[in-house]
């Protein structure tokens, strides 16, 4: 029986990859990355670690859900032939749709043993950078899902995957209806990297930031309670 091991590449710098994950990637006979567009991949290149990726699939996919399902199906199919290590950005169990799909598909594939190893996600780094204690209440949501809010949530928000200006604009418009145009939010870019930027901006300026990309996250403090 073959084993499919899912690992995380950490939130930014290579030092945040767990030692267990690094050893597995070094020794893997078949290492697959969902994408090489992640800062820690440079460390894999420096170490001479061989891998393949699904980056070329992004241009052909009709939408992300179809893409992620195709990736999950292909990873599982390869794992029926040999042991595979599959690496995703951040932590495998934080905002990673392909891993959710892999768990569903692997349940119906007895020829493969699925292992998911713990990894550090961006949220642990963000807690430290912003001085947040998640015990006080926190909601983490993908930018694509912001429109599901009909009113401001009772908790603070971390909004991930604000990967281009159009999505930033859509997120801004939705949030301004809930919080107001000038509500102060925290814009986070390149978290855990040497050029990390954490800055407070009024909400209406979200899509005007010059460095919006796949490493952009937004923290929205919860509204103060009124008597």
Protein backbone atom coordinates (compact mmCIF):
# COMPACT_ATOMS: atom_id res chain seq x y z
CA UNK A 1 0.00 0.00 0.00
CA UNK A 2 1.36 3.41 -1.00
CA UNK A 3 1.42 6.41 1.32
CA UNK A 4 0.42 9.95 0.45
CA UNK A 5 1.93 12.41 2.93
CA UNK A 6 0.69 15.99 2.89
CA UNK A 7 3.00 18.65 4.34
CA UNK A 8 3.07 22.42 4.65
CA UNK A 9 5.71 24.82 3.32
CA UNK A 10 5.10 27.28 6.15
CA UNK A 11 3.94 30.88 5.96
CA UNK A 12 7.04 32.61 4.59
CA UNK A 13 10.70 32.11 5.44
CA UNK A 14 12.16 28.62 5.20
CA UNK A 15 13.01 28.52 8.91
CA UNK A 16 9.32 28.09 9.67
CA UNK A 17 9.12 24.74 7.84
CA UNK A 18 9.06 21.97 10.44
CA UNK A 19 12.13 19.73 10.64
CA UNK A 20 9.98 16.66 9.98
CA UNK A 21 8.60 18.18 6.79
CA UNK A 22 12.03 19.29 5.56
CA UNK A 23 13.46 15.79 6.07
CA UNK A 24 10.56 14.20 4.21
CA UNK A 25 10.99 16.56 1.25
CA UNK A 26 14.74 15.87 1.15
CA UNK A 27 14.17 12.12 1.08
CA UNK A 28 11.03 11.99 -1.09
CA UNK A 29 11.22 9.96 -4.27
CA UNK A 30 8.17 11.85 -5.55
CA UNK A 31 7.60 15.39 -4.28
CA UNK A 32 4.74 17.44 -5.69
CA UNK A 33 4.06 21.09 -4.91
CA UNK A 34 0.66 22.62 -5.53
CA UNK A 35 2.54 25.73 -6.64
CA UNK A 36 6.11 26.97 -6.64
CA UNK A 37 4.86 30.55 -6.20
CA UNK A 38 5.72 30.64 -2.52
CA UNK A 39 8.77 32.17 -0.80
CA UNK A 40 10.06 28.98 0.82
CA UNK A 41 10.40 27.21 -2.53
CA UNK A 42 13.66 29.10 -3.10
CA UNK A 43 15.14 27.13 -0.20
CA UNK A 44 14.14 23.86 -1.89
CA UNK A 45 15.90 25.00 -5.05
CA UNK A 46 19.04 25.92 -3.12
CA UNK A 47 19.05 22.51 -1.44
CA UNK A 48 18.71 20.78 -4.82
CA UNK A 49 15.38 19.18 -3.92
CA UNK A 50 13.58 17.91 -7.02
CA UNK A 51 9.85 18.50 -7.33
CA UNK A 52 7.05 18.98 -9.83
CA UNK A 53 4.19 21.50 -9.60
CA UNK A 54 0.69 22.20 -10.89
CA UNK A 55 1.38 25.79 -11.87
CA UNK A 56 0.71 25.12 -15.55
CA UNK A 57 -2.77 23.85 -14.66
CA UNK A 58 -3.88 27.26 -13.41
CA UNK A 59 -4.03 28.74 -16.92
CA UNK A 60 -6.32 25.99 -18.20
CA UNK A 61 -8.81 25.74 -15.34
CA UNK A 62 -12.35 27.05 -15.65
CA UNK A 63 -12.47 28.03 -11.97
CA UNK A 64 -10.59 27.34 -8.75
CA UNK A 65 -12.94 24.64 -7.52
CA UNK A 66 -12.51 22.66 -10.72
CA UNK A 67 -8.75 23.23 -10.60
CA UNK A 68 -8.37 22.07 -7.01
CA UNK A 69 -10.47 18.98 -7.60
CA UNK A 70 -8.36 18.08 -10.64
CA UNK A 71 -5.18 18.53 -8.62
CA UNK A 72 -6.48 16.40 -5.76
CA UNK A 73 -7.53 13.64 -8.16
CA UNK A 74 -4.14 13.66 -9.87
CA UNK A 75 -2.16 13.63 -6.61
CA UNK A 76 -4.20 10.66 -5.39
CA UNK A 77 -3.81 8.84 -8.70
CA UNK A 78 -0.02 9.22 -8.52
CA UNK A 79 -0.06 7.97 -4.94
CA UNK A 80 -1.66 4.70 -6.04
CA UNK A 81 1.58 3.93 -7.93
CA UNK A 82 4.22 5.07 -5.42
CA UNK A 83 4.70 6.97 -2.18
CA UNK A 84 4.10 10.68 -2.70
CA UNK A 85 4.85 13.77 -0.62
CA UNK A 86 2.47 16.59 -1.52
CA UNK A 87 3.43 20.08 -0.26
CA UNK A 88 1.14 23.08 -0.01
CA UNK A 89 1.74 26.68 1.12
CA UNK A 90 1.34 27.34 4.83
CA UNK A 91 -0.33 24.57 6.82
CA UNK A 92 -2.18 21.69 5.12
CA UNK A 93 -5.25 22.27 7.29
CA UNK A 94 -5.58 26.04 7.07
CA UNK A 95 -7.34 27.48 3.99
CA UNK A 96 -6.15 24.68 1.69
CA UNK A 97 -8.97 23.39 -0.49
CA UNK A 98 -6.97 20.64 -2.21
CA UNK A 99 -6.36 18.95 1.14
CA UNK A 100 -10.07 19.03 1.99
CA UNK A 101 -10.76 17.33 -1.33
CA UNK A 102 -7.93 14.83 -0.84
CA UNK A 103 -9.41 13.72 2.47
CA UNK A 104 -12.76 13.12 0.78
CA UNK A 105 -11.28 11.25 -2.18
CA UNK A 106 -8.83 9.19 -0.13
CA UNK A 107 -11.67 7.83 2.01
CA UNK A 108 -12.84 5.95 -1.09
CA UNK A 109 -9.36 4.82 -2.17
CA UNK A 110 -8.21 1.87 -0.01
CA UNK A 111 -4.97 1.51 -1.96
CA UNK A 112 -3.58 4.73 -0.47
CA UNK A 113 -2.79 5.64 3.13
CA UNK A 114 -3.22 9.38 3.68
CA UNK A 115 -1.06 11.16 6.27
CA UNK A 116 -1.38 14.88 6.98
CA UNK A 117 1.45 16.40 9.00
CA UNK A 118 1.06 19.53 11.12
CA UNK A 119 2.66 22.70 9.83
CA UNK A 120 2.84 26.35 10.71
CA UNK A 121 0.32 28.60 8.95
CA UNK A 122 0.29 32.35 8.48
CA UNK A 123 -2.22 32.73 11.30
CA UNK A 124 0.28 31.78 14.02
CA UNK A 125 2.69 34.41 12.71
CA UNK A 126 -0.13 36.93 12.44
CA UNK A 127 -1.20 36.37 16.05
CA UNK A 128 2.32 37.31 17.13
CA UNK A 129 2.76 40.23 14.74
CA UNK A 130 -0.55 41.87 15.71
CA UNK A 131 -0.64 40.80 19.35
CA UNK A 132 -3.89 38.88 18.86
CA UNK A 133 -5.16 36.26 21.27
CA UNK A 134 -7.53 34.08 19.20
CA UNK A 135 -9.28 32.96 22.37
CA UNK A 136 -11.04 36.34 22.43
CA UNK A 137 -12.74 35.47 19.14
CA UNK A 138 -11.57 35.44 15.55
CA UNK A 139 -13.03 34.46 12.17
CA UNK A 140 -10.77 33.48 9.27
CA UNK A 141 -12.36 33.68 5.84
CA UNK A 142 -11.31 33.63 2.20
CA UNK A 143 -11.84 36.90 0.33
CA UNK A 144 -14.11 35.09 -2.12
CA UNK A 145 -16.52 34.40 0.76
CA UNK A 146 -16.76 37.89 2.25
CA UNK A 147 -20.06 38.50 0.48
CA UNK A 148 -21.70 35.91 2.75
CA UNK A 149 -21.80 38.46 5.58
CA UNK A 150 -25.12 40.30 5.86
CA UNK A 151 -23.94 42.25 8.92
CA UNK A 152 -20.65 42.83 10.73
CA UNK A 153 -19.60 39.65 12.55
CA UNK A 154 -19.25 39.75 16.32
CA UNK A 155 -15.58 38.74 16.04
CA UNK A 156 -12.52 40.24 14.40
CA UNK A 157 -11.80 39.02 10.87
CA UNK A 158 -8.73 37.74 9.08
CA UNK A 159 -9.40 37.81 5.34
CA UNK A 160 -7.04 35.72 3.22
CA UNK A 161 -6.35 35.28 -0.50
CA UNK A 162 -6.73 38.93 -1.53
CA UNK A 163 -4.50 38.12 -4.44
CA UNK A 164 -5.31 40.85 -6.98
CA UNK A 165 -6.70 44.38 -7.19
CA UNK A 166 -10.11 43.32 -8.48
CA UNK A 167 -10.66 41.03 -5.53
CA UNK A 168 -9.42 43.76 -3.19
CA UNK A 169 -11.97 46.13 -4.67
CA UNK A 170 -14.82 43.64 -4.25
CA UNK A 171 -13.75 42.97 -0.66
CA UNK A 172 -13.56 46.67 0.08
CA UNK A 173 -17.04 47.41 -1.28
CA UNK A 174 -18.61 44.59 0.73
CA UNK A 175 -16.86 45.60 3.94
CA UNK A 176 -17.65 49.31 3.53
CA UNK A 177 -21.35 48.45 3.59
CA UNK A 178 -20.76 46.74 6.93
CA UNK A 179 -18.19 48.94 8.65
CA UNK A 180 -18.14 52.27 6.83
CA UNK A 181 -15.70 53.76 4.34
CA UNK A 182 -13.08 54.98 6.84
CA UNK A 183 -13.08 52.03 9.23
CA UNK A 184 -9.44 51.35 10.26
CA UNK A 185 -8.12 47.97 9.13
CA UNK A 186 -4.67 46.35 9.16
CA UNK A 187 -3.13 45.58 5.77
CA UNK A 188 -0.58 42.75 5.93
CA UNK A 189 1.82 41.93 3.12
CA UNK A 190 4.71 39.44 2.91
CA UNK A 191 4.15 38.20 6.44
CA UNK A 192 7.23 36.50 7.96
CA UNK A 193 9.50 37.71 5.14
CA UNK A 194 12.33 40.27 5.38
CA UNK A 195 10.21 42.92 3.61
CA UNK A 196 7.11 42.27 5.74
CA UNK A 197 4.73 45.22 5.80
CA UNK A 198 1.98 45.70 8.40
CA UNK A 199 0.14 49.00 8.18
CA UNK A 200 -3.14 50.51 9.29
CA UNK A 201 -5.22 52.00 6.49
CA UNK A 202 -8.79 53.26 6.14
CA UNK A 203 -10.94 50.60 4.50
CA UNK A 204 -11.62 52.66 1.36
CA UNK A 205 -7.90 52.57 0.49
CA UNK A 206 -7.66 48.76 0.38
CA UNK A 207 -7.57 48.41 -3.41
CA UNK A 208 -5.21 51.39 -3.74
CA UNK A 209 -2.28 49.61 -2.11
CA UNK A 210 0.68 49.20 -4.49
CA UNK A 211 1.76 45.70 -3.39
CA UNK A 212 -1.39 43.56 -3.61
CA UNK A 213 -0.60 39.95 -4.50
CA UNK A 214 -1.02 36.35 -3.27
CA UNK A 215 0.71 37.24 0.02
CA UNK A 216 -1.83 39.92 0.99
CA UNK A 217 -4.04 39.48 4.05
CA UNK A 218 -6.41 41.87 5.85
CA UNK A 219 -7.20 42.10 9.56
CA UNK A 220 -10.51 43.75 10.40
CA UNK A 221 -10.96 44.49 14.13
CA UNK A 222 -14.39 43.77 15.49
CA UNK A 223 -16.71 46.70 15.97
CA UNK A 224 -16.73 48.16 19.45
CA UNK A 225 -19.88 47.32 21.35
CA UNK A 226 -22.30 50.20 21.87
CA UNK A 227 -24.53 50.56 24.92
